[in-house]
Amino acid sequence: MRASTGKLGWFKSSYSAGNGGDCVEVACTGSAVLIRDSKRPEEAQFSVGAEEWAVFVRMAVCG
């Protein structure tokens, strides 16, 4: 089942060039982080647990 995402605060990656290219958007629901393609926001999206997202971000920052 897909949750309604209309009222979520979606934001783009800070690495986005802002020129309409390849962008990922994320939104936090409190217990999970939703991820979608900004060019097709109404299509497929997926979610990961908030703790798993935090681990991913730490690993991405460290290199």
N, C-alpha and C. Protein backbone atom coordinates (compact mmCIF):
# COMPACT_ATOMS: atom_id res chain seq x y z
N MET A 1 0.85 -1.18 0.00
CA MET A 1 0.00 0.00 0.00
C MET A 1 0.89 1.24 0.00
N ARG A 2 0.55 2.19 -0.81
CA ARG A 2 1.32 3.42 -0.93
C ARG A 2 0.66 4.53 -0.12
N ALA A 3 1.46 5.18 0.72
CA ALA A 3 0.94 6.26 1.54
C ALA A 3 0.74 7.52 0.71
N SER A 4 -0.21 8.35 1.13
CA SER A 4 -0.40 9.64 0.48
C SER A 4 0.82 10.51 0.75
N THR A 5 1.34 11.12 -0.31
CA THR A 5 2.55 11.92 -0.17
C THR A 5 2.32 13.39 -0.50
N GLY A 6 1.07 13.78 -0.69
CA GLY A 6 0.77 15.15 -1.10
C GLY A 6 1.15 16.22 -0.08
N LYS A 7 1.08 15.93 1.20
CA LYS A 7 1.34 16.93 2.23
C LYS A 7 2.74 16.84 2.82
N LEU A 8 3.56 15.96 2.31
CA LEU A 8 4.91 15.83 2.82
C LEU A 8 5.80 16.94 2.30
N GLY A 9 6.82 17.28 3.08
CA GLY A 9 7.79 18.28 2.66
C GLY A 9 8.94 17.63 1.90
N TRP A 10 8.81 17.53 0.60
CA TRP A 10 9.84 16.92 -0.24
C TRP A 10 10.96 17.92 -0.48
N PHE A 11 12.21 17.44 -0.48
CA PHE A 11 13.31 18.31 -0.85
C PHE A 11 14.31 17.57 -1.70
N LYS A 12 15.02 18.33 -2.54
CA LYS A 12 15.99 17.75 -3.47
C LYS A 12 17.36 17.66 -2.83
N SER A 13 18.16 16.81 -3.39
CA SER A 13 19.54 16.65 -2.95
C SER A 13 20.28 17.99 -3.06
N SER A 14 21.16 18.25 -2.13
CA SER A 14 21.98 19.47 -2.20
C SER A 14 22.95 19.42 -3.37
N TYR A 15 23.13 18.24 -3.96
CA TYR A 15 24.00 18.09 -5.13
C TYR A 15 23.25 18.34 -6.44
N SER A 16 21.96 18.63 -6.35
CA SER A 16 21.17 18.88 -7.54
C SER A 16 21.62 20.19 -8.19
N ALA A 17 21.79 20.18 -9.49
CA ALA A 17 22.24 21.38 -10.20
C ALA A 17 21.12 22.39 -10.39
N GLY A 18 19.88 21.98 -10.17
CA GLY A 18 18.76 22.90 -10.32
C GLY A 18 18.38 23.17 -11.77
N ASN A 19 18.94 22.41 -12.70
CA ASN A 19 18.67 22.64 -14.12
C ASN A 19 17.72 21.61 -14.71
N GLY A 20 17.01 20.88 -13.87
CA GLY A 20 16.06 19.90 -14.36
C GLY A 20 16.67 18.56 -14.70
N GLY A 21 17.91 18.36 -14.33
CA GLY A 21 18.59 17.10 -14.61
C GLY A 21 18.16 16.00 -13.66
N ASP A 22 19.02 15.03 -13.49
CA ASP A 22 18.71 13.90 -12.61
C ASP A 22 18.69 14.36 -11.16
N CYS A 23 17.55 14.24 -10.53
CA CYS A 23 17.41 14.67 -9.14
C CYS A 23 16.64 13.62 -8.34
N VAL A 24 17.04 13.52 -7.10
CA VAL A 24 16.35 12.66 -6.15
C VAL A 24 15.74 13.57 -5.10
N GLU A 25 14.51 13.26 -4.70
CA GLU A 25 13.85 14.00 -3.63
C GLU A 25 13.59 13.05 -2.48
N VAL A 26 13.62 13.58 -1.27
CA VAL A 26 13.34 12.79 -0.09
C VAL A 26 12.34 13.54 0.80
N ALA A 27 11.60 12.78 1.58
CA ALA A 27 10.67 13.34 2.56
C ALA A 27 10.68 12.44 3.78
N CYS A 28 10.65 13.04 4.94
CA CYS A 28 10.66 12.27 6.19
C CYS A 28 9.25 12.17 6.74
N THR A 29 8.86 10.95 7.12
CA THR A 29 7.54 10.75 7.71
C THR A 29 7.62 10.60 9.22
N GLY A 30 8.82 10.64 9.77
CA GLY A 30 9.02 10.44 11.20
C GLY A 30 9.65 9.08 11.46
N SER A 31 9.05 8.03 10.90
CA SER A 31 9.60 6.69 11.09
C SER A 31 10.30 6.17 9.85
N ALA A 32 10.12 6.86 8.72
CA ALA A 32 10.72 6.40 7.46
C ALA A 32 11.09 7.61 6.61
N VAL A 33 11.95 7.35 5.64
CA VAL A 33 12.31 8.35 4.65
C VAL A 33 11.85 7.84 3.30
N LEU A 34 11.06 8.65 2.60
CA LEU A 34 10.58 8.30 1.27
C LEU A 34 11.51 8.92 0.23
N ILE A 35 11.77 8.20 -0.84
CA ILE A 35 12.69 8.63 -1.89
C ILE A 35 11.97 8.50 -3.22
N ARG A 36 12.12 9.53 -4.09
CA ARG A 36 11.47 9.48 -5.40
C ARG A 36 12.30 10.25 -6.43
N ASP A 37 11.98 10.02 -7.68
CA ASP A 37 12.60 10.72 -8.81
C ASP A 37 11.85 12.03 -8.99
N SER A 38 12.55 13.17 -8.94
CA SER A 38 11.87 14.46 -9.02
C SER A 38 11.23 14.71 -10.39
N LYS A 39 11.71 14.03 -11.42
CA LYS A 39 11.13 14.20 -12.76
C LYS A 39 9.81 13.47 -12.89
N ARG A 40 9.58 12.48 -12.06
CA ARG A 40 8.34 11.68 -12.11
C ARG A 40 7.82 11.46 -10.69
N PRO A 41 7.43 12.51 -10.00
CA PRO A 41 7.06 12.38 -8.59
C PRO A 41 5.84 11.52 -8.31
N GLU A 42 4.98 11.35 -9.29
CA GLU A 42 3.76 10.55 -9.08
C GLU A 42 3.99 9.06 -9.33
N GLU A 43 5.15 8.72 -9.84
CA GLU A 43 5.44 7.31 -10.13
C GLU A 43 6.12 6.65 -8.94
N ALA A 44 6.85 5.63 -9.22
CA ALA A 44 7.45 4.79 -8.18
C ALA A 44 8.26 5.59 -7.17
N GLN A 45 8.14 5.17 -5.94
CA GLN A 45 8.96 5.69 -4.86
C GLN A 45 9.19 4.54 -3.89
N PHE A 46 10.18 4.72 -3.05
CA PHE A 46 10.41 3.67 -2.06
C PHE A 46 10.74 4.32 -0.74
N SER A 47 10.71 3.51 0.32
CA SER A 47 10.98 4.04 1.64
C SER A 47 12.01 3.17 2.35
N VAL A 48 12.72 3.81 3.25
CA VAL A 48 13.66 3.12 4.13
C VAL A 48 13.39 3.63 5.54
N GLY A 49 13.73 2.81 6.50
CA GLY A 49 13.59 3.23 7.89
C GLY A 49 14.49 4.41 8.20
N ALA A 50 14.07 5.24 9.16
CA ALA A 50 14.85 6.43 9.51
C ALA A 50 16.26 6.07 9.96
N GLU A 51 16.41 5.00 10.72
CA GLU A 51 17.75 4.59 11.17
C GLU A 51 18.62 4.13 10.01
N GLU A 52 18.05 3.40 9.07
CA GLU A 52 18.80 2.95 7.91
C GLU A 52 19.23 4.13 7.06
N TRP A 53 18.36 5.14 6.92
CA TRP A 53 18.71 6.34 6.17
C TRP A 53 19.89 7.07 6.83
N ALA A 54 19.86 7.16 8.15
CA ALA A 54 20.95 7.82 8.88
C ALA A 54 22.28 7.10 8.64
N VAL A 55 22.26 5.77 8.62
CA VAL A 55 23.47 5.00 8.33
C VAL A 55 23.95 5.28 6.91
N PHE A 56 23.03 5.30 5.95
CA PHE A 56 23.39 5.59 4.56
C PHE A 56 24.05 6.96 4.44
N VAL A 57 23.45 7.98 5.05
CA VAL A 57 23.99 9.33 4.96
C VAL A 57 25.38 9.40 5.62
N ARG A 58 25.56 8.77 6.76
CA ARG A 58 26.89 8.76 7.40
C ARG A 58 27.92 8.13 6.49
N MET A 59 27.57 7.01 5.86
CA MET A 59 28.51 6.33 4.97
C MET A 59 28.79 7.16 3.72
N ALA A 60 27.79 7.87 3.20
CA ALA A 60 27.98 8.70 2.02
C ALA A 60 28.90 9.87 2.33
N VAL A 61 28.77 10.44 3.50
CA VAL A 61 29.60 11.59 3.88
C VAL A 61 31.04 11.16 4.11
N CYS A 62 31.22 9.99 4.66
CA CYS A 62 32.58 9.52 4.97
C CYS A 62 33.32 9.04 3.73
N GLY A 63 32.62 8.84 2.69
CA GLY A 63 33.33 8.57 1.49
C GLY A 63 33.20 7.33 0.80
